[in-house]
Amino acid sequence: LTKLLVDLGRDAELEARYRSDPDDVLAEYEVSDE
């Protein structure tokens, strides 16, 4: 989760991917359901 938060703040491409498909990015980072 911390890595995802940091990466989202640093990587505009990742942020755009997250906006279009958050579930895919969350699964990629293997964050917990919570």
All heavy atoms as atom14 arrays in JSON, in Angstrom:
{
  "sequence": "LTKLLVDLGRDAELEARYRSDPDDVLAEYEVSDE",
  "atom14_mask": [
    [1, 1, 1, 1, 1, 1, 1, 1, 0, 0, 0, 0, 0, 0],
    [1, 1, 1, 1, 1, 1, 1, 0, 0, 0, 0, 0, 0, 0],
    [1, 1, 1, 1, 1, 1, 1, 1, 1, 0, 0, 0, 0, 0],
    [1, 1, 1, 1, 1, 1, 1, 1, 0, 0, 0, 0, 0, 0],
    [1, 1, 1, 1, 1, 1, 1, 1, 0, 0, 0, 0, 0, 0],
    [1, 1, 1, 1, 1, 1, 1, 0, 0, 0, 0, 0, 0, 0],
    [1, 1, 1, 1, 1, 1, 1, 1, 0, 0, 0, 0, 0, 0],
    [1, 1, 1, 1, 1, 1, 1, 1, 0, 0, 0, 0, 0, 0],
    [1, 1, 1, 1, 0, 0, 0, 0, 0, 0, 0, 0, 0, 0],
    [1, 1, 1, 1, 1, 1, 1, 1, 1, 1, 1, 0, 0, 0],
    [1, 1, 1, 1, 1, 1, 1, 1, 0, 0, 0, 0, 0, 0],
    [1, 1, 1, 1, 1, 0, 0, 0, 0, 0, 0, 0, 0, 0],
    [1, 1, 1, 1, 1, 1, 1, 1, 1, 0, 0, 0, 0, 0],
    [1, 1, 1, 1, 1, 1, 1, 1, 0, 0, 0, 0, 0, 0],
    [1, 1, 1, 1, 1, 1, 1, 1, 1, 0, 0, 0, 0, 0],
    [1, 1, 1, 1, 1, 0, 0, 0, 0, 0, 0, 0, 0, 0],
    [1, 1, 1, 1, 1, 1, 1, 1, 1, 1, 1, 0, 0, 0],
    [1, 1, 1, 1, 1, 1, 1, 1, 1, 1, 1, 1, 0, 0],
    [1, 1, 1, 1, 1, 1, 1, 1, 1, 1, 1, 0, 0, 0],
    [1, 1, 1, 1, 1, 1, 0, 0, 0, 0, 0, 0, 0, 0],
    [1, 1, 1, 1, 1, 1, 1, 1, 0, 0, 0, 0, 0, 0],
    [1, 1, 1, 1, 1, 1, 1, 0, 0, 0, 0, 0, 0, 0],
    [1, 1, 1, 1, 1, 1, 1, 1, 0, 0, 0, 0, 0, 0],
    [1, 1, 1, 1, 1, 1, 1, 1, 0, 0, 0, 0, 0, 0],
    [1, 1, 1, 1, 1, 1, 1, 0, 0, 0, 0, 0, 0, 0],
    [1, 1, 1, 1, 1, 1, 1, 1, 0, 0, 0, 0, 0, 0],
    [1, 1, 1, 1, 1, 0, 0, 0, 0, 0, 0, 0, 0, 0],
    [1, 1, 1, 1, 1, 1, 1, 1, 1, 0, 0, 0, 0, 0],
    [1, 1, 1, 1, 1, 1, 1, 1, 1, 1, 1, 1, 0, 0],
    [1, 1, 1, 1, 1, 1, 1, 1, 1, 0, 0, 0, 0, 0],
    [1, 1, 1, 1, 1, 1, 1, 0, 0, 0, 0, 0, 0, 0],
    [1, 1, 1, 1, 1, 1, 0, 0, 0, 0, 0, 0, 0, 0],
    [1, 1, 1, 1, 1, 1, 1, 1, 0, 0, 0, 0, 0, 0],
    [1, 1, 1, 1, 1, 1, 1, 1, 1, 0, 0, 0, 0, 0]
  ],
  "atom14_positions": [
    [[0.83, -1.2, 0.0], [0.0, 0.0, 0.0], [0.86, 1.25, 0.0], [0.62, 2.18, -0.78], [-0.95, 0.01, 1.2], [-1.78, 1.29, 1.37], [-2.65, 1.55, 0.14], [-2.62, 1.2, 2.63], [0.0, 0.0, 0.0], [0.0, 0.0, 0.0], [0.0, 0.0, 0.0], [0.0, 0.0, 0.0], [0.0, 0.0, 0.0], [0.0, 0.0, 0.0]],
    [[1.87, 1.28, 0.84], [2.75, 2.45, 0.9], [3.46, 2.64, -0.43], [3.54, 3.76, -0.93], [3.78, 2.28, 2.03], [3.08, 2.05, 3.26], [4.66, 3.51, 2.17], [0.0, 0.0, 0.0], [0.0, 0.0, 0.0], [0.0, 0.0, 0.0], [0.0, 0.0, 0.0], [0.0, 0.0, 0.0], [0.0, 0.0, 0.0], [0.0, 0.0, 0.0]],
    [[3.93, 1.56, -1.02], [4.59, 1.64, -2.33], [3.62, 2.19, -3.37], [3.99, 3.06, -4.18], [5.13, 0.29, -2.76], [5.82, 0.33, -4.11], [6.69, -0.87, -4.31], [7.37, -0.9, -5.67], [7.71, 0.36, -6.28], [0.0, 0.0, 0.0], [0.0, 0.0, 0.0], [0.0, 0.0, 0.0], [0.0, 0.0, 0.0], [0.0, 0.0, 0.0]],
    [[2.38, 1.72, -3.35], [1.38, 2.23, -4.29], [1.16, 3.72, -4.11], [1.15, 4.48, -5.09], [0.06, 1.47, -4.13], [-1.12, 2.0, -4.94], [-0.84, 2.0, -6.44], [-2.37, 1.2, -4.62], [0.0, 0.0, 0.0], [0.0, 0.0, 0.0], [0.0, 0.0, 0.0], [0.0, 0.0, 0.0], [0.0, 0.0, 0.0], [0.0, 0.0, 0.0]],
    [[0.99, 4.17, -2.87], [0.77, 5.59, -2.61], [1.94, 6.43, -3.12], [1.75, 7.47, -3.76], [0.55, 5.83, -1.12], [-0.75, 5.29, -0.54], [-0.72, 5.35, 0.98], [-1.95, 6.04, -1.1], [0.0, 0.0, 0.0], [0.0, 0.0, 0.0], [0.0, 0.0, 0.0], [0.0, 0.0, 0.0], [0.0, 0.0, 0.0], [0.0, 0.0, 0.0]],
    [[3.15, 5.98, -2.85], [4.35, 6.7, -3.31], [4.42, 6.7, -4.83], [4.64, 7.74, -5.46], [5.62, 6.09, -2.68], [6.88, 6.65, -3.34], [5.64, 6.34, -1.18], [0.0, 0.0, 0.0], [0.0, 0.0, 0.0], [0.0, 0.0, 0.0], [0.0, 0.0, 0.0], [0.0, 0.0, 0.0], [0.0, 0.0, 0.0], [0.0, 0.0, 0.0]],
    [[4.21, 5.53, -5.42], [4.29, 5.43, -6.88], [3.23, 6.27, -7.58], [3.5, 6.9, -8.61], [4.18, 3.97, -7.33], [5.42, 3.15, -6.98], [6.43, 3.73, -6.52], [5.36, 1.92, -7.15], [0.0, 0.0, 0.0], [0.0, 0.0, 0.0], [0.0, 0.0, 0.0], [0.0, 0.0, 0.0], [0.0, 0.0, 0.0], [0.0, 0.0, 0.0]],
    [[2.03, 6.3, -7.03], [0.97, 7.12, -7.62], [1.34, 8.59, -7.6], [1.0, 9.34, -8.52], [-0.35, 6.9, -6.89], [-1.08, 5.61, -7.2], [-2.24, 5.41, -6.23], [-1.59, 5.59, -8.64], [0.0, 0.0, 0.0], [0.0, 0.0, 0.0], [0.0, 0.0, 0.0], [0.0, 0.0, 0.0], [0.0, 0.0, 0.0], [0.0, 0.0, 0.0]],
    [[2.03, 9.0, -6.56], [2.45, 10.39, -6.47], [3.6, 10.75, -7.38], [3.81, 11.92, -7.69], [0.0, 0.0, 0.0], [0.0, 0.0, 0.0], [0.0, 0.0, 0.0], [0.0, 0.0, 0.0], [0.0, 0.0, 0.0], [0.0, 0.0, 0.0], [0.0, 0.0, 0.0], [0.0, 0.0, 0.0], [0.0, 0.0, 0.0], [0.0, 0.0, 0.0]],
    [[4.31, 9.76, -7.85], [5.5, 9.99, -8.67], [5.32, 9.68, -10.16], [6.07, 10.16, -10.98], [6.65, 9.11, -8.18], [7.18, 9.51, -6.85], [8.33, 8.62, -6.48], [8.88, 9.03, -5.19], [9.75, 8.35, -4.51], [10.19, 7.2, -4.98], [10.19, 8.79, -3.36], [0.0, 0.0, 0.0], [0.0, 0.0, 0.0], [0.0, 0.0, 0.0]],
    [[4.36, 8.85, -10.47], [4.26, 8.29, -11.83], [2.91, 8.65, -12.45], [1.88, 8.04, -12.16], [4.42, 6.77, -11.73], [4.47, 6.07, -13.07], [4.01, 6.64, -14.08], [4.96, 4.93, -13.1], [0.0, 0.0, 0.0], [0.0, 0.0, 0.0], [0.0, 0.0, 0.0], [0.0, 0.0, 0.0], [0.0, 0.0, 0.0], [0.0, 0.0, 0.0]],
    [[2.93, 9.64, -13.33], [1.69, 10.11, -13.96], [1.03, 9.02, -14.8], [-0.2, 8.94, -14.87], [1.97, 11.34, -14.83], [0.0, 0.0, 0.0], [0.0, 0.0, 0.0], [0.0, 0.0, 0.0], [0.0, 0.0, 0.0], [0.0, 0.0, 0.0], [0.0, 0.0, 0.0], [0.0, 0.0, 0.0], [0.0, 0.0, 0.0], [0.0, 0.0, 0.0]],
    [[1.82, 8.19, -15.43], [1.26, 7.1, -16.24], [0.51, 6.1, -15.35], [-0.59, 5.65, -15.7], [2.38, 6.39, -17.0], [1.89, 5.45, -18.07], [3.03, 4.92, -18.92], [3.81, 5.73, -19.44], [3.12, 3.68, -19.04], [0.0, 0.0, 0.0], [0.0, 0.0, 0.0], [0.0, 0.0, 0.0], [0.0, 0.0, 0.0], [0.0, 0.0, 0.0]],
    [[1.1, 5.74, -14.22], [0.44, 4.85, -13.27], [-0.83, 5.49, -12.75], [-1.87, 4.84, -12.65], [1.37, 4.5, -12.11], [0.76, 3.63, -11.03], [0.42, 2.24, -11.57], [1.72, 3.51, -9.85], [0.0, 0.0, 0.0], [0.0, 0.0, 0.0], [0.0, 0.0, 0.0], [0.0, 0.0, 0.0], [0.0, 0.0, 0.0], [0.0, 0.0, 0.0]],
    [[-0.77, 6.77, -12.43], [-1.94, 7.49, -11.93], [-3.07, 7.46, -12.97], [-4.23, 7.25, -12.63], [-1.55, 8.93, -11.58], [-2.63, 9.72, -10.89], [-3.5, 10.48, -11.86], [-3.04, 10.77, -12.98], [-4.64, 10.77, -11.51], [0.0, 0.0, 0.0], [0.0, 0.0, 0.0], [0.0, 0.0, 0.0], [0.0, 0.0, 0.0], [0.0, 0.0, 0.0]],
    [[-2.73, 7.63, -14.24], [-3.74, 7.58, -15.31], [-4.34, 6.18, -15.41], [-5.56, 6.03, -15.59], [-3.12, 8.0, -16.63], [0.0, 0.0, 0.0], [0.0, 0.0, 0.0], [0.0, 0.0, 0.0], [0.0, 0.0, 0.0], [0.0, 0.0, 0.0], [0.0, 0.0, 0.0], [0.0, 0.0, 0.0], [0.0, 0.0, 0.0], [0.0, 0.0, 0.0]],
    [[-3.5, 5.16, -15.28], [-3.99, 3.78, -15.29], [-4.92, 3.53, -14.11], [-5.95, 2.88, -14.24], [-2.83, 2.78, -15.23], [-2.11, 2.6, -16.53], [-1.0, 1.55, -16.47], [-1.42, 0.35, -15.76], [-0.68, -0.26, -14.82], [0.5, 0.2, -14.49], [-1.14, -1.33, -14.21], [0.0, 0.0, 0.0], [0.0, 0.0, 0.0], [0.0, 0.0, 0.0]],
    [[-4.55, 4.07, -12.95], [-5.39, 3.9, -11.76], [-6.74, 4.57, -11.96], [-7.77, 4.0, -11.58], [-4.68, 4.47, -10.53], [-5.48, 4.23, -9.26], [-5.38, 3.02, -8.59], [-6.35, 5.18, -8.78], [-6.13, 2.77, -7.45], [-7.11, 4.94, -7.64], [-6.99, 3.73, -6.98], [-7.73, 3.49, -5.87], [0.0, 0.0, 0.0], [0.0, 0.0, 0.0]],
    [[-6.75, 5.74, -12.56], [-8.03, 6.42, -12.81], [-8.92, 5.61, -13.73], [-10.13, 5.57, -13.55], [-7.79, 7.79, -13.44], [-7.39, 8.84, -12.47], [-7.24, 10.16, -13.21], [-6.61, 11.13, -12.37], [-7.15, 12.31, -12.11], [-8.31, 12.64, -12.63], [-6.52, 13.15, -11.33], [0.0, 0.0, 0.0], [0.0, 0.0, 0.0], [0.0, 0.0, 0.0]],
    [[-8.34, 4.97, -14.73], [-9.17, 4.23, -15.69], [-9.53, 2.83, -15.2], [-10.58, 2.31, -15.57], [-8.47, 4.16, -17.05], [-7.31, 3.37, -16.97], [0.0, 0.0, 0.0], [0.0, 0.0, 0.0], [0.0, 0.0, 0.0], [0.0, 0.0, 0.0], [0.0, 0.0, 0.0], [0.0, 0.0, 0.0], [0.0, 0.0, 0.0], [0.0, 0.0, 0.0]],
    [[-8.68, 2.22, -14.37], [-8.97, 0.86, -13.89], [-8.32, 0.63, -12.54], [-7.28, -0.04, -12.44], [-8.48, -0.16, -14.91], [-8.96, -1.57, -14.61], [-9.6, -1.79, -13.55], [-8.71, -2.46, -15.43], [0.0, 0.0, 0.0], [0.0, 0.0, 0.0], [0.0, 0.0, 0.0], [0.0, 0.0, 0.0], [0.0, 0.0, 0.0], [0.0, 0.0, 0.0]],
    [[-8.9, 1.2, -11.48], [-8.27, 1.07, -10.16], [-8.12, -0.38, -9.71], [-7.11, -0.73, -9.09], [-9.2, 1.85, -9.23], [-10.46, 2.05, -9.97], [-10.14, 1.97, -11.42], [0.0, 0.0, 0.0], [0.0, 0.0, 0.0], [0.0, 0.0, 0.0], [0.0, 0.0, 0.0], [0.0, 0.0, 0.0], [0.0, 0.0, 0.0], [0.0, 0.0, 0.0]],
    [[-9.09, -1.22, -10.03], [-9.0, -2.63, -9.59], [-7.78, -3.32, -10.17], [-7.13, -4.12, -9.49], [-10.27, -3.39, -9.97], [-11.47, -2.95, -9.14], [-11.28, -2.61, -7.95], [-12.58, -2.93, -9.69], [0.0, 0.0, 0.0], [0.0, 0.0, 0.0], [0.0, 0.0, 0.0], [0.0, 0.0, 0.0], [0.0, 0.0, 0.0], [0.0, 0.0, 0.0]],
    [[-7.44, -3.02, -11.41], [-6.28, -3.63, -12.04], [-4.98, -3.21, -11.34], [-4.13, -4.05, -11.04], [-6.22, -3.24, -13.53], [-5.1, -3.95, -14.25], [-5.05, -5.2, -14.22], [-4.25, -3.25, -14.86], [0.0, 0.0, 0.0], [0.0, 0.0, 0.0], [0.0, 0.0, 0.0], [0.0, 0.0, 0.0], [0.0, 0.0, 0.0], [0.0, 0.0, 0.0]],
    [[-4.87, -1.92, -11.04], [-3.65, -1.43, -10.37], [-3.58, -1.96, -8.94], [-2.51, -2.39, -8.49], [-3.59, 0.12, -10.41], [-2.42, 0.63, -9.58], [-3.49, 0.6, -11.85], [0.0, 0.0, 0.0], [0.0, 0.0, 0.0], [0.0, 0.0, 0.0], [0.0, 0.0, 0.0], [0.0, 0.0, 0.0], [0.0, 0.0, 0.0], [0.0, 0.0, 0.0]],
    [[-4.71, -1.97, -8.24], [-4.71, -2.49, -6.88], [-4.32, -3.97, -6.87], [-3.58, -4.41, -5.98], [-6.09, -2.29, -6.25], [-6.45, -0.83, -5.97], [-7.93, -0.68, -5.7], [-5.63, -0.28, -4.82], [0.0, 0.0, 0.0], [0.0, 0.0, 0.0], [0.0, 0.0, 0.0], [0.0, 0.0, 0.0], [0.0, 0.0, 0.0], [0.0, 0.0, 0.0]],
    [[-4.79, -4.73, -7.85], [-4.42, -6.14, -7.94], [-2.94, -6.29, -8.28], [-2.25, -7.16, -7.72], [-5.26, -6.84, -9.0], [0.0, 0.0, 0.0], [0.0, 0.0, 0.0], [0.0, 0.0, 0.0], [0.0, 0.0, 0.0], [0.0, 0.0, 0.0], [0.0, 0.0, 0.0], [0.0, 0.0, 0.0], [0.0, 0.0, 0.0], [0.0, 0.0, 0.0]],
    [[-2.44, -5.44, -9.15], [-1.02, -5.48, -9.53], [-0.13, -5.26, -8.31], [0.9, -5.91, -8.16], [-0.76, -4.4, -10.58], [0.67, -4.31, -11.04], [0.87, -3.18, -12.04], [-0.03, -2.93, -12.87], [1.94, -2.55, -11.99], [0.0, 0.0, 0.0], [0.0, 0.0, 0.0], [0.0, 0.0, 0.0], [0.0, 0.0, 0.0], [0.0, 0.0, 0.0]],
    [[-0.55, -4.36, -7.43], [0.24, -4.07, -6.23], [-0.08, -5.03, -5.08], [0.54, -4.96, -4.03], [0.02, -2.62, -5.79], [0.93, -1.66, -6.52], [0.67, -1.3, -7.84], [2.06, -1.13, -5.91], [1.5, -0.43, -8.52], [2.9, -0.27, -6.57], [2.61, 0.09, -7.88], [3.45, 0.96, -8.55], [0.0, 0.0, 0.0], [0.0, 0.0, 0.0]],
    [[-1.04, -5.9, -5.31], [-1.43, -6.91, -4.33], [-1.74, -6.31, -2.96], [-1.33, -6.84, -1.92], [-0.35, -7.99, -4.22], [-0.11, -8.73, -5.51], [0.99, -9.77, -5.42], [1.75, -9.8, -4.43], [1.08, -10.56, -6.37], [0.0, 0.0, 0.0], [0.0, 0.0, 0.0], [0.0, 0.0, 0.0], [0.0, 0.0, 0.0], [0.0, 0.0, 0.0]],
    [[-2.49, -5.21, -2.96], [-2.9, -4.63, -1.69], [-4.05, -5.45, -1.12], [-4.77, -6.12, -1.86], [-3.31, -3.14, -1.82], [-2.16, -2.3, -2.34], [-4.53, -2.96, -2.69], [0.0, 0.0, 0.0], [0.0, 0.0, 0.0], [0.0, 0.0, 0.0], [0.0, 0.0, 0.0], [0.0, 0.0, 0.0], [0.0, 0.0, 0.0], [0.0, 0.0, 0.0]],
    [[-4.2, -5.41, 0.17], [-5.26, -6.17, 0.83], [-6.63, -5.64, 0.4], [-6.75, -4.51, -0.09], [-5.13, -6.05, 2.35], [-5.43, -4.72, 2.75], [0.0, 0.0, 0.0], [0.0, 0.0, 0.0], [0.0, 0.0, 0.0], [0.0, 0.0, 0.0], [0.0, 0.0, 0.0], [0.0, 0.0, 0.0], [0.0, 0.0, 0.0], [0.0, 0.0, 0.0]],
    [[-7.64, -6.45, 0.61], [-9.01, -6.01, 0.3], [-9.37, -4.77, 1.1], [-10.01, -3.85, 0.58], [-10.01, -7.13, 0.6], [-9.88, -8.3, -0.36], [-9.28, -8.15, -1.44], [-10.39, -9.39, -0.02], [0.0, 0.0, 0.0], [0.0, 0.0, 0.0], [0.0, 0.0, 0.0], [0.0, 0.0, 0.0], [0.0, 0.0, 0.0], [0.0, 0.0, 0.0]],
    [[-8.95, -4.74, 2.35], [-9.23, -3.59, 3.21], [-8.57, -2.32, 2.68], [-9.18, -1.25, 2.63], [-8.76, -3.88, 4.64], [-9.13, -2.84, 5.64], [-8.68, -3.18, 7.05], [-7.89, -4.13, 7.24], [-9.11, -2.48, 7.96], [0.0, 0.0, 0.0], [0.0, 0.0, 0.0], [0.0, 0.0, 0.0], [0.0, 0.0, 0.0], [0.0, 0.0, 0.0]]
  ]
}
